[in-house]
Protein backbone atom coordinates (compact mmCIF):
# COMPACT_ATOMS: atom_id res chain seq x y z
CA MET A 1 6.85 22.94 -11.13
CA MET A 2 4.98 21.53 -8.35
CA ARG A 3 3.40 19.00 -10.80
CA ALA A 4 6.79 17.68 -11.82
CA PHE A 5 8.31 17.65 -8.47
CA ALA A 6 5.13 15.60 -7.21
CA ALA A 7 5.59 13.20 -10.18
CA LYS A 8 9.15 12.60 -9.47
CA ALA A 9 8.61 12.01 -5.72
CA SER A 10 5.74 9.90 -6.31
CA THR A 11 7.88 7.58 -8.59
CA ARG A 12 10.66 7.56 -6.16
CA LEU A 13 8.48 6.77 -3.19
CA ASN A 14 6.75 4.00 -5.22
CA TRP A 15 10.45 2.51 -6.32
CA ILE A 16 11.54 1.99 -2.65
CA VAL A 17 7.94 0.70 -1.69
CA GLU A 18 7.83 -1.67 -4.30
CA ARG A 19 11.30 -3.19 -3.54
CA ILE A 20 10.50 -3.36 0.06
CA VAL A 21 7.21 -5.08 -0.90
CA ALA A 22 9.38 -7.22 -3.10
CA VAL A 23 11.82 -8.21 -0.39
CA LEU A 24 9.07 -8.97 1.78
CA MET A 25 7.25 -11.31 -0.68
CA LEU A 26 10.58 -13.18 -0.98
CA LEU A 27 10.71 -13.77 2.59
CA LEU A 28 7.19 -14.72 2.97
CA VAL A 29 7.49 -17.11 0.26
CA LEU A 30 10.72 -18.60 1.81
CA ASP A 31 8.84 -18.90 4.96
CA VAL A 32 5.93 -20.75 3.47
CA TRP A 33 8.50 -22.97 1.49
CA LEU A 34 10.10 -23.55 4.93
CA GLY A 35 6.88 -24.37 6.60
CA VAL A 36 5.79 -26.84 3.76
CA VAL A 37 9.33 -28.57 4.03
CA ASP A 38 9.13 -28.92 7.79
CA ARG A 39 5.56 -30.28 7.67
CA TYR A 40 5.80 -33.11 4.92
CA LEU A 41 9.74 -33.49 4.66
CA PHE A 42 11.44 -32.97 7.96
CA HIS A 43 8.74 -32.98 11.00
CA TRP A 44 10.85 -30.40 12.88
CA GLN A 45 7.49 -29.06 14.16
CA LEU A 46 8.64 -25.40 13.68
CA PRO A 47 5.95 -23.19 15.56
CA TRP A 48 7.02 -19.89 13.84
CA PRO A 49 6.54 -20.34 10.11
CA GLU A 50 2.83 -19.70 10.07
CA VAL A 51 2.96 -16.77 12.41
CA LEU A 52 5.59 -15.08 10.57
CA ALA A 53 3.80 -15.82 7.31
CA ARG A 54 0.79 -14.09 8.49
CA TYR A 55 2.81 -10.79 9.60
CA LEU A 56 4.68 -10.67 6.69
CA MET A 57 1.40 -10.81 4.52
CA ILE A 58 -0.23 -7.98 6.27
CA TRP A 59 2.79 -5.82 5.91
CA VAL A 60 3.23 -6.72 2.02
CA ALA A 61 -0.69 -6.32 1.17
CA LEU A 62 -0.79 -2.76 3.13
CA LEU A 63 2.25 -1.62 1.82
CA ALA A 64 1.19 -2.48 -1.66
CA ILE A 65 -1.78 -0.21 -1.57
CA SER A 66 0.48 2.94 -2.30
CA ALA A 67 1.68 1.28 -5.58
CA GLY A 68 -1.92 1.17 -6.67
CA ILE A 69 -2.37 4.41 -5.66
CA ALA A 70 0.93 5.58 -7.46
CA ARG A 71 -0.64 3.92 -10.76
CA ARG A 72 -4.24 4.81 -9.92
CA GLU A 73 -4.97 1.52 -10.34
CA HIS A 74 -8.08 1.19 -8.56
CA ILE A 75 -10.56 -0.87 -11.05
CA GLY A 76 -13.94 0.05 -9.47
CA LEU A 77 -12.86 3.81 -9.94
CA SER A 78 -11.45 3.45 -13.50
CA ILE A 79 -14.82 1.78 -14.48
CA LEU A 80 -16.93 4.70 -13.10
CA ILE A 81 -14.53 7.69 -14.27
CA ASP A 82 -14.25 6.33 -17.57
CA ARG A 83 -17.74 5.85 -18.24
CA LEU A 84 -18.28 9.83 -16.95
CA PRO A 85 -18.61 12.80 -19.32
CA GLN A 86 -15.37 14.70 -19.19
CA ILE A 87 -16.76 17.68 -17.53
CA PHE A 88 -17.70 15.43 -14.28
CA ARG A 89 -14.21 13.61 -14.44
CA ARG A 90 -11.89 16.18 -12.85
CA PRO A 91 -14.28 17.33 -9.89
CA LEU A 92 -15.17 13.68 -9.02
CA LEU A 93 -11.29 12.67 -9.26
CA ILE A 94 -10.20 15.63 -6.79
CA LEU A 95 -12.98 14.67 -4.49
CA VAL A 96 -12.00 10.99 -4.70
CA ASP A 97 -8.55 12.34 -3.82
CA VAL A 98 -9.23 14.55 -0.85
CA MET A 99 -11.62 11.62 0.62
CA THR A 100 -8.65 8.76 0.27
CA PHE A 101 -6.24 11.21 1.59
CA ALA A 102 -8.68 11.81 4.55
CA LEU A 103 -9.19 7.98 5.05
CA PHE A 104 -5.65 7.46 5.08
CA ALA A 105 -4.83 10.20 7.50
CA PHE A 106 -7.78 8.80 9.77
CA LEU A 107 -6.34 5.19 9.48
CA CYS A 108 -2.56 6.61 10.28
CA TRP A 109 -3.69 8.63 13.28
CA TYR A 110 -5.71 5.91 14.88
CA GLY A 111 -3.12 3.43 13.63
CA ILE A 112 -0.77 5.04 16.23
CA ASP A 113 -2.97 4.10 19.04
CA PHE A 114 -3.38 1.06 17.98
CA THR A 115 0.29 0.24 17.65
CA VAL A 116 1.17 1.94 20.83
CA GLY A 117 -1.56 -0.67 22.44
CA GLY A 118 0.31 -3.42 20.68
CA SER A 119 3.47 -2.67 22.51
CA THR A 120 1.77 -4.35 25.54
CA ARG A 121 0.83 -7.30 24.26
CA GLN A 122 2.97 -10.11 23.52
CA ALA A 123 3.28 -12.53 20.31
CA MET A 124 3.59 -15.83 22.14
CA ILE A 125 5.92 -17.34 19.43
CA PHE A 126 8.46 -14.87 19.02
CA GLY A 127 8.20 -13.31 22.60
CA MET A 128 7.90 -9.91 20.97
CA THR A 129 5.62 -7.27 21.45
CA LEU A 130 2.78 -6.87 18.71
CA ALA A 131 3.72 -3.30 17.93
CA ILE A 132 5.69 -4.20 14.71
CA PRO A 133 3.17 -6.24 13.10
CA PHE A 134 0.56 -3.68 14.29
CA ALA A 135 2.93 -0.98 13.07
CA ALA A 136 1.84 -1.90 9.43
CA ILE A 137 -1.37 0.22 9.93
CA PRO A 138 0.10 3.57 10.78
CA VAL A 139 3.29 3.41 8.36
CA SER A 140 1.14 1.86 5.34
CA SER A 141 -1.53 4.22 5.87
CA ALA A 142 1.16 7.24 6.06
CA ILE A 143 2.73 6.00 3.02
CA ALA A 144 -0.58 5.89 1.22
CA ALA A 145 -1.32 9.30 2.24
CA LEU A 146 1.70 10.92 1.36
CA GLN A 147 1.21 9.08 -2.20
CA VAL A 148 -2.30 10.37 -2.67
CA LEU A 149 -1.25 13.79 -2.06
CA LEU A 150 1.75 13.60 -4.37
CA VAL A 151 -0.60 11.57 -7.16
CA ALA A 152 -3.41 14.37 -6.30
CA LEU A 153 -0.59 17.16 -6.97
CA ARG A 154 0.88 15.41 -9.90
CA ASP A 155 -2.36 14.32 -11.52
CA GLN A 156 -4.73 17.83 -10.67
CA GLY A 157 -7.88 16.18 -11.62
CA GLU A 158 -6.83 15.44 -15.20
CA VAL A 159 -7.67 12.02 -16.80
CA MET A 160 -5.43 10.31 -19.00
CA THR A 161 -7.04 8.35 -21.83
CA ASP A 162 -4.31 6.00 -22.83
CA SER A 163 -2.67 3.72 -19.88
CA ASN A 164 0.05 2.02 -21.67
CA ASP A 165 2.80 4.67 -21.24
CA GLY A 166 4.52 3.17 -17.74
CA LEU A 167 4.26 4.17 -14.21
CA PRO A 168 1.27 6.24 -14.21
CA SER A 169 -1.85 4.72 -15.68
CA GLY A 170 -5.50 4.38 -14.85
CA ALA A 171 -8.28 6.44 -14.30
CA GLY A 172 -6.62 9.83 -13.01
CA ALA A 173 -2.78 9.60 -14.19
CA VAL A 174 -1.74 12.50 -16.47
CA GLN A 175 0.34 11.89 -19.76
């Protein structure tokens, strides 16, 4: 029952995050396109497209981490776990889940302080505080930590042999 709930919650969370990432990527592409058109065609000399692109890229990259976690698509981990004897896979996967959760919880905790510190600094071009760009760290870390927890409950250390069946794939996903 807990396993099914975790699988469903992980899938729903990933669905939401992927749509947010897609929207941010669309905005990033449009922003970069505007910067190129500005620079080479109209010569408006807009000061903000490059800065906005940087902030969007940071948010996209950090939010996308949880999508990789939901699918267990970490190439290094997959290569290692797939080569181990079956008896070592489960404890290693559980250990990696615990360590990964601890890492993202740590990043979230200290990212909150980082974001609060950014609230006193200004982004020159936009006239806003840096709290919004800096918030990418604790927000994405919290989502990643939650996703690690859900995936750990979903997989419970089991290793999937065939990864071509939809969302759960990679070294630790369950069929």
